[in-house]
Every structure is written in C-alpha cells, then in structure tokens.
Amino acid sequence: MLGGKRYRVRIPNDICLLYSEQKQLLVFKKGEKCKYLQVPLKIFVMSGTNYIRVSRLTFKPVPNNIKKQLKAKQGLLVALIKQTIFDCLQIRVKKLKLIGLGYKIFHIHDRLVYFKLGHSHSIYFKLPESFKIVSFKSTKLFIFGDCYQRVTQFAALIRLCRKPDSYKGKGVLYLEEKLQLKKGKKI
C-alpha cells in the first residue's frame, strides 16, 4: 500500500493531469488555464480511477536524518496539489474595506490604482497581469485572481499600508474581519 486516504487526491473529470517523473513536474490543465507544480516526491496515478497518491519515495537517495522530514513534505505536497486543483477550477477573491475619514480608492486605469489612506502622500499600486480589481464604492475593494497565494499576498500588501488601529478601528480591513477595540484611558 502506498499510503492511506490522507495522501490520496481526487482529480476532477474536467482537469487534465500531466506528470513527468524526469522533470519532477506536475501539470494541471483546464481549457486554456495551465498550472505547474514542482514535486520533490514520487506520485502514483491510480489506473481506472481519478485518484493520485503521493508517496514518501524520493527521486534520489536521501540520508536517514532527512527521511523523518518526508512525512511532513508528503502532507504539504497533498495540500499544494489540492490548492492547485482548486485554483484551476475557480477564480479567487479577496475583499477589503477602508474604514476612516477620507480613506478612498481611486482607479486611474486598468492596471493602476491609488489609495488615500490618511498619509500626506497617495499610495500607488500597479496590478499584476492576472489580477482584476473592482470597487463598487470608494471604500470597498474586490481583488480577483487565479492564484490564491498571490491574491492573498497582494491583499496583505495593501493592508500593510494602513493596518487597523486597535483603539479607533480605522484602517484597511478584510470584509469579514472583526476588530476587538481596546479601551482608552479613563479620566
């Protein structure tokens, strides 16, 4: 047996899977979308089913002290494969809201956005090619992209420009985020 159910991943019917053992590369393809994933461990395609299994076997011999880390790498690889499949199937969205007097979002054109966040200067962001930004109000922002990690990283970068204040609650927040406000000094 090559591993339990934990290390087995189901591939949907509409995703084409290509696996090259020589290049240690796993390719997921749906229509024109194509995602690549480097794999350090061997993967077995189960014939007759839509499942693949991730094993602890490596492509090269490894010393004993690294063999203990292979179980962690095995679980990480399963999670990355599932995330890559999900990225192929859906578009990822992160929602941000600006709370504060005068905090606004402005579109200059498709690839350039600037923010007024209470600083003496405006903050400009150039969008990556695979991203799309929509703002229905001047205080709410929706970031669309095809890679969960990059969309989350970009949203965190915007949020870093004005972190939420723990006393007043002003700043850039995720849409569902709830802040625990601290009490001020009593006189």
N, C-alpha and C. Protein backbone atom coordinates (compact mmCIF):
# COMPACT_ATOMS: atom_id res chain seq x y z
N MET A 1 0.85 -1.18 0.00
CA MET A 1 0.00 0.00 0.00
C MET A 1 0.89 1.24 0.00
N LEU A 2 0.53 2.23 -0.78
CA LEU A 2 1.36 3.40 -0.97
C LEU A 2 0.99 4.56 -0.06
N GLY A 3 0.11 4.40 0.84
CA GLY A 3 -0.32 5.48 1.72
C GLY A 3 -1.81 5.39 1.93
N GLY A 4 -2.29 5.97 3.00
CA GLY A 4 -3.71 5.91 3.32
C GLY A 4 -4.52 6.91 2.53
N LYS A 5 -5.76 7.08 2.96
CA LYS A 5 -6.66 8.01 2.29
C LYS A 5 -6.19 9.45 2.43
N ARG A 6 -5.41 9.70 3.45
CA ARG A 6 -4.94 11.06 3.71
C ARG A 6 -4.06 11.57 2.56
N TYR A 7 -3.32 10.68 1.94
CA TYR A 7 -2.38 11.08 0.90
C TYR A 7 -2.90 10.79 -0.50
N ARG A 8 -4.20 10.63 -0.62
CA ARG A 8 -4.84 10.38 -1.90
C ARG A 8 -5.62 11.62 -2.30
N VAL A 9 -5.50 12.03 -3.55
CA VAL A 9 -6.17 13.24 -4.03
C VAL A 9 -7.02 12.87 -5.24
N ARG A 10 -8.27 13.33 -5.23
CA ARG A 10 -9.17 13.08 -6.35
C ARG A 10 -9.03 14.20 -7.37
N ILE A 11 -8.87 13.81 -8.63
CA ILE A 11 -8.74 14.77 -9.72
C ILE A 11 -10.10 14.88 -10.41
N PRO A 12 -10.69 16.08 -10.53
CA PRO A 12 -11.97 16.22 -11.21
C PRO A 12 -11.88 15.82 -12.69
N ASN A 13 -13.02 15.46 -13.27
CA ASN A 13 -13.05 14.97 -14.65
C ASN A 13 -12.65 16.03 -15.66
N ASP A 14 -12.94 17.30 -15.39
CA ASP A 14 -12.66 18.34 -16.38
C ASP A 14 -11.23 18.89 -16.30
N ILE A 15 -10.38 18.31 -15.45
CA ILE A 15 -8.99 18.73 -15.36
C ILE A 15 -8.10 17.64 -15.95
N CYS A 16 -7.22 18.06 -16.84
CA CYS A 16 -6.25 17.14 -17.46
C CYS A 16 -4.98 17.18 -16.62
N LEU A 17 -4.43 16.02 -16.31
CA LEU A 17 -3.25 15.92 -15.45
C LEU A 17 -2.10 15.33 -16.26
N LEU A 18 -0.96 16.02 -16.25
CA LEU A 18 0.25 15.53 -16.90
C LEU A 18 1.34 15.44 -15.84
N TYR A 19 2.06 14.32 -15.83
CA TYR A 19 3.08 14.10 -14.80
C TYR A 19 4.36 13.63 -15.47
N SER A 20 5.45 14.32 -15.22
CA SER A 20 6.75 13.96 -15.77
C SER A 20 7.69 13.62 -14.62
N GLU A 21 8.11 12.36 -14.56
CA GLU A 21 8.99 11.94 -13.48
C GLU A 21 10.42 12.43 -13.70
N GLN A 22 10.83 12.60 -14.97
CA GLN A 22 12.18 13.07 -15.26
C GLN A 22 12.37 14.52 -14.83
N LYS A 23 11.37 15.36 -15.09
CA LYS A 23 11.47 16.78 -14.73
C LYS A 23 10.90 17.07 -13.35
N GLN A 24 10.32 16.07 -12.69
CA GLN A 24 9.69 16.21 -11.38
C GLN A 24 8.65 17.33 -11.42
N LEU A 25 7.76 17.25 -12.42
CA LEU A 25 6.79 18.30 -12.66
C LEU A 25 5.39 17.72 -12.80
N LEU A 26 4.42 18.41 -12.21
CA LEU A 26 3.02 18.02 -12.29
C LEU A 26 2.27 19.19 -12.93
N VAL A 27 1.52 18.92 -14.00
CA VAL A 27 0.84 19.97 -14.75
C VAL A 27 -0.67 19.72 -14.70
N PHE A 28 -1.42 20.75 -14.30
CA PHE A 28 -2.88 20.69 -14.30
C PHE A 28 -3.37 21.61 -15.41
N LYS A 29 -4.30 21.12 -16.23
CA LYS A 29 -4.78 21.93 -17.35
C LYS A 29 -6.29 21.86 -17.44
N LYS A 30 -6.92 23.02 -17.52
CA LYS A 30 -8.37 23.10 -17.74
C LYS A 30 -8.60 24.18 -18.79
N GLY A 31 -8.98 23.77 -19.98
CA GLY A 31 -9.16 24.72 -21.07
C GLY A 31 -7.84 25.36 -21.41
N GLU A 32 -7.78 26.69 -21.31
CA GLU A 32 -6.54 27.40 -21.59
C GLU A 32 -5.72 27.66 -20.33
N LYS A 33 -6.31 27.42 -19.17
CA LYS A 33 -5.61 27.61 -17.90
C LYS A 33 -4.64 26.46 -17.67
N CYS A 34 -3.42 26.79 -17.27
CA CYS A 34 -2.41 25.76 -17.03
C CYS A 34 -1.65 26.11 -15.75
N LYS A 35 -1.54 25.16 -14.83
CA LYS A 35 -0.82 25.37 -13.57
C LYS A 35 0.29 24.33 -13.46
N TYR A 36 1.46 24.77 -13.00
CA TYR A 36 2.61 23.89 -12.84
C TYR A 36 2.94 23.75 -11.36
N LEU A 37 3.43 22.57 -10.98
CA LEU A 37 3.79 22.32 -9.59
C LEU A 37 5.02 21.42 -9.55
N GLN A 38 6.10 21.92 -8.92
CA GLN A 38 7.30 21.10 -8.72
C GLN A 38 7.02 20.08 -7.63
N VAL A 39 7.37 18.83 -7.87
CA VAL A 39 7.11 17.78 -6.88
C VAL A 39 8.43 17.12 -6.46
N PRO A 40 8.77 17.17 -5.17
CA PRO A 40 10.00 16.52 -4.70
C PRO A 40 9.83 15.03 -4.41
N LEU A 41 8.58 14.56 -4.34
CA LEU A 41 8.29 13.15 -4.03
C LEU A 41 7.62 12.47 -5.22
N LYS A 42 7.67 11.15 -5.23
CA LYS A 42 7.05 10.39 -6.32
C LYS A 42 5.54 10.37 -6.16
N ILE A 43 4.86 10.44 -7.30
CA ILE A 43 3.40 10.41 -7.33
C ILE A 43 2.97 9.23 -8.18
N PHE A 44 1.97 8.50 -7.70
CA PHE A 44 1.46 7.34 -8.43
C PHE A 44 0.04 7.65 -8.89
N VAL A 45 -0.19 7.46 -10.19
CA VAL A 45 -1.52 7.65 -10.76
C VAL A 45 -2.23 6.31 -10.68
N MET A 46 -3.37 6.28 -10.00
CA MET A 46 -4.12 5.04 -9.83
C MET A 46 -4.95 4.80 -11.08
N SER A 47 -4.66 3.71 -11.78
CA SER A 47 -5.32 3.44 -13.05
C SER A 47 -6.79 3.08 -12.83
N GLY A 48 -7.64 3.55 -13.73
CA GLY A 48 -9.06 3.26 -13.66
C GLY A 48 -9.85 4.19 -12.75
N THR A 49 -9.18 5.00 -11.97
CA THR A 49 -9.87 5.95 -11.09
C THR A 49 -9.33 7.35 -11.34
N ASN A 50 -9.95 8.31 -10.74
CA ASN A 50 -9.49 9.70 -10.87
C ASN A 50 -8.64 10.12 -9.67
N TYR A 51 -7.89 9.21 -9.12
CA TYR A 51 -7.10 9.50 -7.93
C TYR A 51 -5.62 9.43 -8.24
N ILE A 52 -4.85 10.26 -7.52
CA ILE A 52 -3.40 10.12 -7.49
C ILE A 52 -2.99 9.95 -6.04
N ARG A 53 -1.85 9.31 -5.84
CA ARG A 53 -1.38 9.05 -4.49
C ARG A 53 0.03 9.61 -4.35
N VAL A 54 0.27 10.32 -3.28
CA VAL A 54 1.58 10.90 -3.01
C VAL A 54 2.31 9.96 -2.06
N SER A 55 3.52 9.57 -2.44
CA SER A 55 4.29 8.64 -1.60
C SER A 55 5.44 9.37 -0.92
N ARG A 56 6.12 8.68 -0.03
CA ARG A 56 7.30 9.25 0.63
C ARG A 56 8.58 8.93 -0.12
N LEU A 57 8.46 8.23 -1.22
CA LEU A 57 9.64 7.88 -2.01
C LEU A 57 10.16 9.12 -2.73
N THR A 58 11.48 9.27 -2.76
CA THR A 58 12.09 10.41 -3.43
C THR A 58 12.72 9.95 -4.73
N PHE A 59 13.13 10.91 -5.55
CA PHE A 59 13.75 10.60 -6.82
C PHE A 59 15.22 10.23 -6.66
N LYS A 60 15.85 10.69 -5.59
CA LYS A 60 17.26 10.40 -5.31
C LYS A 60 17.36 9.80 -3.92
N PRO A 61 18.40 9.03 -3.66
CA PRO A 61 18.58 8.50 -2.29
C PRO A 61 18.82 9.65 -1.30
N VAL A 62 18.24 9.51 -0.11
CA VAL A 62 18.38 10.56 0.90
C VAL A 62 18.94 9.96 2.19
N PRO A 63 19.67 10.75 2.99
CA PRO A 63 20.17 10.26 4.27
C PRO A 63 19.04 10.05 5.28
N ASN A 64 19.34 9.31 6.34
CA ASN A 64 18.32 8.95 7.33
C ASN A 64 17.73 10.15 8.07
N ASN A 65 18.53 11.18 8.32
CA ASN A 65 18.00 12.33 9.06
C ASN A 65 16.97 13.11 8.24
N ILE A 66 17.01 13.02 6.94
CA ILE A 66 16.03 13.71 6.09
C ILE A 66 14.78 12.86 5.90
N LYS A 67 14.88 11.56 6.08
CA LYS A 67 13.73 10.67 5.90
C LYS A 67 12.60 11.01 6.88
N LYS A 68 12.96 11.54 8.05
CA LYS A 68 11.94 11.92 9.03
C LYS A 68 11.11 13.11 8.54
N GLN A 69 11.72 13.96 7.73
CA GLN A 69 11.02 15.14 7.22
C GLN A 69 10.11 14.82 6.03
N LEU A 70 10.25 13.63 5.46
CA LEU A 70 9.48 13.29 4.26
C LEU A 70 7.99 13.19 4.53
N LYS A 71 7.60 12.79 5.74
CA LYS A 71 6.18 12.70 6.06
C LYS A 71 5.54 14.09 6.04
N ALA A 72 6.27 15.08 6.57
CA ALA A 72 5.77 16.46 6.54
C ALA A 72 5.69 16.97 5.10
N LYS A 73 6.70 16.65 4.30
CA LYS A 73 6.68 17.06 2.89
C LYS A 73 5.55 16.38 2.14
N GLN A 74 5.23 15.16 2.52
CA GLN A 74 4.15 14.42 1.87
C GLN A 74 2.81 15.12 2.12
N GLY A 75 2.54 15.50 3.35
CA GLY A 75 1.31 16.22 3.68
C GLY A 75 1.25 17.58 3.02
N LEU A 76 2.39 18.29 2.97
CA LEU A 76 2.45 19.59 2.33
C LEU A 76 2.16 19.48 0.84
N LEU A 77 2.72 18.46 0.20
CA LEU A 77 2.51 18.27 -1.23
C LEU A 77 1.05 17.96 -1.55
N VAL A 78 0.40 17.17 -0.70
CA VAL A 78 -1.03 16.88 -0.89
C VAL A 78 -1.84 18.17 -0.80
N ALA A 79 -1.53 19.02 0.19
CA ALA A 79 -2.24 20.29 0.34
C ALA A 79 -2.00 21.21 -0.86
N LEU A 80 -0.76 21.24 -1.37
CA LEU A 80 -0.46 22.08 -2.53
C LEU A 80 -1.17 21.58 -3.79
N ILE A 81 -1.26 20.26 -3.95
CA ILE A 81 -1.97 19.70 -5.10
C ILE A 81 -3.45 20.07 -5.04
N LYS A 82 -4.06 19.94 -3.85
CA LYS A 82 -5.48 20.29 -3.70
C LYS A 82 -5.71 21.78 -3.98
N GLN A 83 -4.80 22.62 -3.49
CA GLN A 83 -4.94 24.05 -3.70
C GLN A 83 -4.78 24.40 -5.18
N THR A 84 -3.86 23.74 -5.88
CA THR A 84 -3.65 24.00 -7.30
C THR A 84 -4.86 23.57 -8.11
N ILE A 85 -5.46 22.44 -7.75
CA ILE A 85 -6.68 21.99 -8.44
C ILE A 85 -7.79 23.00 -8.23
N PHE A 86 -7.94 23.49 -7.00
CA PHE A 86 -8.98 24.47 -6.69
C PHE A 86 -8.74 25.78 -7.44
N ASP A 87 -7.45 26.17 -7.61
CA ASP A 87 -7.12 27.37 -8.37
C ASP A 87 -7.49 27.22 -9.83
N CYS A 88 -7.36 26.00 -10.38
CA CYS A 88 -7.74 25.76 -11.78
C CYS A 88 -9.25 25.88 -11.96
N LEU A 89 -10.01 25.48 -10.96
CA LEU A 89 -11.46 25.43 -11.10
C LEU A 89 -12.14 26.78 -10.86
N GLN A 90 -11.61 27.59 -9.95
CA GLN A 90 -12.31 28.82 -9.56
C GLN A 90 -11.39 30.03 -9.57
N ILE A 91 -12.02 31.19 -9.66
CA ILE A 91 -11.29 32.45 -9.53
C ILE A 91 -11.31 32.84 -8.06
N ARG A 92 -10.18 33.27 -7.54
CA ARG A 92 -10.07 33.63 -6.12
C ARG A 92 -10.39 35.10 -5.91
N VAL A 93 -11.01 35.40 -4.77
CA VAL A 93 -11.42 36.77 -4.45
C VAL A 93 -11.00 37.11 -3.02
N LYS A 94 -10.47 38.29 -2.83
CA LYS A 94 -10.24 38.85 -1.50
C LYS A 94 -10.96 40.18 -1.44
N LYS A 95 -11.66 40.42 -0.34
CA LYS A 95 -12.45 41.64 -0.19
C LYS A 95 -11.86 42.49 0.93
N LEU A 96 -11.61 43.75 0.63
CA LEU A 96 -11.07 44.69 1.61
C LEU A 96 -12.04 45.86 1.77
N LYS A 97 -12.04 46.43 2.97
CA LYS A 97 -12.83 47.65 3.19
C LYS A 97 -11.94 48.66 3.90
N LEU A 98 -12.17 49.92 3.59
CA LEU A 98 -11.42 51.01 4.19
C LEU A 98 -12.32 51.71 5.19
N ILE A 99 -11.86 51.81 6.42
CA ILE A 99 -12.64 52.47 7.46
C ILE A 99 -11.81 53.65 7.97
N GLY A 100 -12.36 54.82 7.84
CA GLY A 100 -11.69 56.02 8.30
C GLY A 100 -12.11 57.21 7.47
N LEU A 101 -12.04 58.37 8.04
CA LEU A 101 -12.46 59.59 7.36
C LEU A 101 -11.47 59.94 6.26
N GLY A 102 -11.93 59.98 5.03
CA GLY A 102 -11.08 60.34 3.90
C GLY A 102 -10.32 59.19 3.28
N TYR A 103 -10.48 57.97 3.76
CA TYR A 103 -9.81 56.82 3.17
C TYR A 103 -10.58 56.42 1.91
N LYS A 104 -9.92 56.47 0.75
CA LYS A 104 -10.60 56.20 -0.51
C LYS A 104 -9.71 55.44 -1.48
N ILE A 105 -10.39 54.80 -2.45
CA ILE A 105 -9.73 54.07 -3.53
C ILE A 105 -10.07 54.79 -4.83
N PHE A 106 -9.06 54.97 -5.69
CA PHE A 106 -9.28 55.60 -6.99
C PHE A 106 -8.64 54.74 -8.08
N HIS A 107 -9.38 54.54 -9.19
CA HIS A 107 -8.83 53.85 -10.36
C HIS A 107 -8.29 54.92 -11.32
N ILE A 108 -7.05 54.75 -11.75
CA ILE A 108 -6.52 55.65 -12.78
C ILE A 108 -6.81 55.02 -14.14
N HIS A 109 -6.40 53.78 -14.31
CA HIS A 109 -6.80 52.97 -15.46
C HIS A 109 -6.72 51.51 -15.05
N ASP A 110 -6.82 50.59 -15.99
CA ASP A 110 -6.95 49.16 -15.68
C ASP A 110 -5.86 48.63 -14.74
N ARG A 111 -4.64 49.00 -14.95
CA ARG A 111 -3.51 48.41 -14.22
C ARG A 111 -2.96 49.27 -13.10
N LEU A 112 -3.56 50.41 -12.82
CA LEU A 112 -3.01 51.29 -11.78
C LEU A 112 -4.13 51.77 -10.86
N VAL A 113 -3.90 51.62 -9.56
CA VAL A 113 -4.87 52.02 -8.54
C VAL A 113 -4.12 52.85 -7.50
N TYR A 114 -4.77 53.89 -6.99
CA TYR A 114 -4.12 54.59 -5.89
C TYR A 114 -5.09 54.82 -4.74
N PHE A 115 -4.49 54.90 -3.56
CA PHE A 115 -5.24 54.96 -2.32
C PHE A 115 -4.90 56.25 -1.59
N LYS A 116 -5.90 56.80 -0.92
CA LYS A 116 -5.69 57.88 0.06
C LYS A 116 -6.00 57.26 1.41
N LEU A 117 -4.96 57.11 2.23
CA LEU A 117 -5.10 56.40 3.49
C LEU A 117 -4.68 57.25 4.69
N GLY A 118 -4.83 58.56 4.59
CA GLY A 118 -4.53 59.42 5.72
C GLY A 118 -3.09 59.85 5.81
N HIS A 119 -2.25 59.43 4.87
CA HIS A 119 -0.87 59.89 4.84
C HIS A 119 -0.81 61.22 4.09
N SER A 120 0.34 61.87 4.10
CA SER A 120 0.47 63.12 3.37
C SER A 120 0.63 62.87 1.87
N HIS A 121 0.83 61.63 1.49
CA HIS A 121 1.00 61.28 0.08
C HIS A 121 0.01 60.18 -0.30
N SER A 122 -0.22 60.03 -1.60
CA SER A 122 -1.07 58.95 -2.09
C SER A 122 -0.22 57.70 -2.28
N ILE A 123 -0.85 56.54 -2.18
CA ILE A 123 -0.15 55.26 -2.33
C ILE A 123 -0.63 54.62 -3.63
N TYR A 124 0.32 54.33 -4.53
CA TYR A 124 0.01 53.76 -5.83
C TYR A 124 0.34 52.28 -5.87
N PHE A 125 -0.50 51.51 -6.54
CA PHE A 125 -0.26 50.08 -6.75
C PHE A 125 -0.44 49.76 -8.22
N LYS A 126 0.54 49.06 -8.78
CA LYS A 126 0.42 48.55 -10.14
C LYS A 126 -0.01 47.10 -10.04
N LEU A 127 -1.06 46.74 -10.77
CA LEU A 127 -1.62 45.40 -10.69
C LEU A 127 -0.86 44.42 -11.56
N PRO A 128 -0.68 43.18 -11.10
CA PRO A 128 -0.15 42.14 -11.97
C PRO A 128 -1.13 41.84 -13.11
N GLU A 129 -0.64 41.19 -14.16
CA GLU A 129 -1.45 40.93 -15.35
C GLU A 129 -2.67 40.06 -15.07
N SER A 130 -2.52 39.08 -14.20
CA SER A 130 -3.61 38.13 -13.98
C SER A 130 -4.64 38.61 -12.95
N PHE A 131 -4.49 39.84 -12.46
CA PHE A 131 -5.39 40.37 -11.44
C PHE A 131 -6.42 41.32 -12.04
N LYS A 132 -7.54 41.42 -11.36
CA LYS A 132 -8.56 42.40 -11.71
C LYS A 132 -9.09 42.99 -10.41
N ILE A 133 -9.25 44.30 -10.39
CA ILE A 133 -9.74 44.96 -9.18
C ILE A 133 -11.06 45.66 -9.51
N VAL A 134 -12.03 45.48 -8.62
CA VAL A 134 -13.33 46.14 -8.76
C VAL A 134 -13.63 46.84 -7.44
N SER A 135 -14.07 48.08 -7.53
CA SER A 135 -14.51 48.79 -6.33
C SER A 135 -15.87 49.41 -6.62
N PHE A 136 -16.91 48.90 -5.97
CA PHE A 136 -18.26 49.40 -6.17
C PHE A 136 -18.45 50.73 -5.44
N LYS A 137 -17.86 50.84 -4.29
CA LYS A 137 -17.85 52.09 -3.54
C LYS A 137 -16.40 52.53 -3.45
N SER A 138 -16.17 53.73 -2.99
CA SER A 138 -14.79 54.19 -2.87
C SER A 138 -14.13 53.65 -1.61
N THR A 139 -14.85 52.84 -0.83
CA THR A 139 -14.28 52.29 0.39
C THR A 139 -14.24 50.76 0.40
N LYS A 140 -14.75 50.11 -0.63
CA LYS A 140 -14.73 48.65 -0.70
C LYS A 140 -13.98 48.21 -1.95
N LEU A 141 -13.15 47.19 -1.80
CA LEU A 141 -12.28 46.74 -2.88
C LEU A 141 -12.36 45.23 -3.01
N PHE A 142 -12.53 44.74 -4.22
CA PHE A 142 -12.55 43.31 -4.51
C PHE A 142 -11.37 43.00 -5.41
N ILE A 143 -10.53 42.05 -5.00
CA ILE A 143 -9.35 41.66 -5.77
C ILE A 143 -9.61 40.27 -6.33
N PHE A 144 -9.61 40.13 -7.65
CA PHE A 144 -9.83 38.85 -8.32
C PHE A 144 -8.52 38.38 -8.94
N GLY A 145 -8.27 37.07 -8.85
CA GLY A 145 -7.09 36.50 -9.46
C GLY A 145 -7.22 34.99 -9.58
N ASP A 146 -6.25 34.37 -10.24
CA ASP A 146 -6.35 32.93 -10.47
C ASP A 146 -5.46 32.12 -9.53
N CYS A 147 -4.69 32.77 -8.68
CA CYS A 147 -3.81 32.05 -7.75
C CYS A 147 -4.08 32.55 -6.33
N TYR A 148 -4.49 31.64 -5.46
CA TYR A 148 -4.87 32.00 -4.09
C TYR A 148 -3.72 32.67 -3.34
N GLN A 149 -2.53 32.13 -3.49
CA GLN A 149 -1.38 32.64 -2.75
C GLN A 149 -1.05 34.07 -3.18
N ARG A 150 -1.07 34.35 -4.48
CA ARG A 150 -0.73 35.68 -4.97
C ARG A 150 -1.81 36.71 -4.63
N VAL A 151 -3.07 36.30 -4.70
CA VAL A 151 -4.17 37.22 -4.36
C VAL A 151 -4.10 37.58 -2.88
N THR A 152 -3.87 36.59 -2.02
CA THR A 152 -3.76 36.83 -0.59
C THR A 152 -2.56 37.71 -0.26
N GLN A 153 -1.45 37.46 -0.94
CA GLN A 153 -0.24 38.25 -0.71
C GLN A 153 -0.45 39.71 -1.14
N PHE A 154 -1.12 39.92 -2.26
CA PHE A 154 -1.38 41.28 -2.73
C PHE A 154 -2.33 42.01 -1.78
N ALA A 155 -3.36 41.32 -1.29
CA ALA A 155 -4.29 41.92 -0.33
C ALA A 155 -3.57 42.28 0.97
N ALA A 156 -2.66 41.42 1.41
CA ALA A 156 -1.89 41.70 2.63
C ALA A 156 -0.96 42.89 2.44
N LEU A 157 -0.44 43.04 1.22
CA LEU A 157 0.44 44.18 0.92
C LEU A 157 -0.34 45.50 0.98
N ILE A 158 -1.56 45.48 0.46
CA ILE A 158 -2.42 46.68 0.54
C ILE A 158 -2.77 46.97 2.00
N ARG A 159 -3.09 45.93 2.74
CA ARG A 159 -3.50 46.08 4.14
C ARG A 159 -2.34 46.61 4.99
N LEU A 160 -1.12 46.27 4.59
CA LEU A 160 0.07 46.69 5.32
C LEU A 160 0.28 48.21 5.26
N CYS A 161 -0.27 48.86 4.23
CA CYS A 161 -0.11 50.31 4.09
C CYS A 161 -0.80 51.08 5.22
N ARG A 162 -1.90 50.54 5.74
CA ARG A 162 -2.57 51.16 6.88
C ARG A 162 -3.25 50.06 7.68
N LYS A 163 -2.49 49.50 8.62
CA LYS A 163 -3.03 48.43 9.46
C LYS A 163 -4.16 48.99 10.33
N PRO A 164 -5.14 48.17 10.67
CA PRO A 164 -6.24 48.64 11.52
C PRO A 164 -5.74 49.07 12.90
N ASP A 165 -6.23 50.21 13.34
CA ASP A 165 -5.88 50.74 14.65
C ASP A 165 -6.69 50.01 15.71
N SER A 166 -6.05 49.60 16.78
CA SER A 166 -6.75 48.81 17.80
C SER A 166 -7.59 49.67 18.75
N TYR A 167 -7.46 51.00 18.69
CA TYR A 167 -8.25 51.86 19.56
C TYR A 167 -9.47 52.45 18.85
N LYS A 168 -9.28 52.91 17.61
CA LYS A 168 -10.39 53.52 16.87
C LYS A 168 -10.98 52.61 15.80
N GLY A 169 -10.22 51.63 15.35
CA GLY A 169 -10.71 50.71 14.32
C GLY A 169 -10.52 51.22 12.91
N LYS A 170 -9.73 52.28 12.72
CA LYS A 170 -9.51 52.84 11.39
C LYS A 170 -8.40 52.07 10.69
N GLY A 171 -8.53 51.94 9.37
CA GLY A 171 -7.50 51.29 8.58
C GLY A 171 -8.09 50.45 7.47
N VAL A 172 -7.26 49.59 6.89
CA VAL A 172 -7.69 48.67 5.83
C VAL A 172 -7.95 47.32 6.47
N LEU A 173 -9.18 46.83 6.35
CA LEU A 173 -9.58 45.56 6.96
C LEU A 173 -10.11 44.63 5.88
N TYR A 174 -10.05 43.32 6.17
CA TYR A 174 -10.76 42.36 5.33
C TYR A 174 -12.25 42.53 5.60
N LEU A 175 -13.08 42.20 4.63
CA LEU A 175 -14.51 42.49 4.73
C LEU A 175 -15.16 41.78 5.91
N GLU A 176 -14.78 40.54 6.19
CA GLU A 176 -15.40 39.78 7.28
C GLU A 176 -14.68 39.96 8.61
N GLU A 177 -13.63 40.74 8.64
CA GLU A 177 -12.79 40.86 9.83
C GLU A 177 -13.48 41.67 10.92
N LYS A 178 -13.42 41.17 12.14
CA LYS A 178 -13.97 41.87 13.31
C LYS A 178 -12.79 42.27 14.20
N LEU A 179 -12.79 43.51 14.62
CA LEU A 179 -11.72 44.01 15.49
C LEU A 179 -12.20 44.09 16.92
N GLN A 180 -11.35 43.69 17.84
CA GLN A 180 -11.60 43.88 19.26
C GLN A 180 -10.96 45.22 19.64
N LEU A 181 -11.77 46.23 19.87
CA LEU A 181 -11.23 47.54 20.20
C LEU A 181 -10.82 47.59 21.67
N LYS A 182 -9.68 48.23 21.91
CA LYS A 182 -9.20 48.39 23.28
C LYS A 182 -9.86 49.62 23.91
N LYS A 183 -9.95 49.61 25.21
CA LYS A 183 -10.49 50.77 25.91
C LYS A 183 -9.39 51.81 26.05
N GLY A 184 -9.77 53.06 25.93
CA GLY A 184 -8.82 54.15 26.11
C GLY A 184 -8.61 54.45 27.58
N LYS A 185 -7.77 55.43 27.87
CA LYS A 185 -7.54 55.82 29.26
C LYS A 185 -8.76 56.52 29.82
N LYS A 186 -9.08 56.22 31.04
CA LYS A 186 -10.22 56.89 31.69
C LYS A 186 -9.70 58.07 32.49
N ILE A 187 -10.45 59.15 32.43
CA ILE A 187 -10.03 60.37 33.15
C ILE A 187 -10.81 60.48 34.44
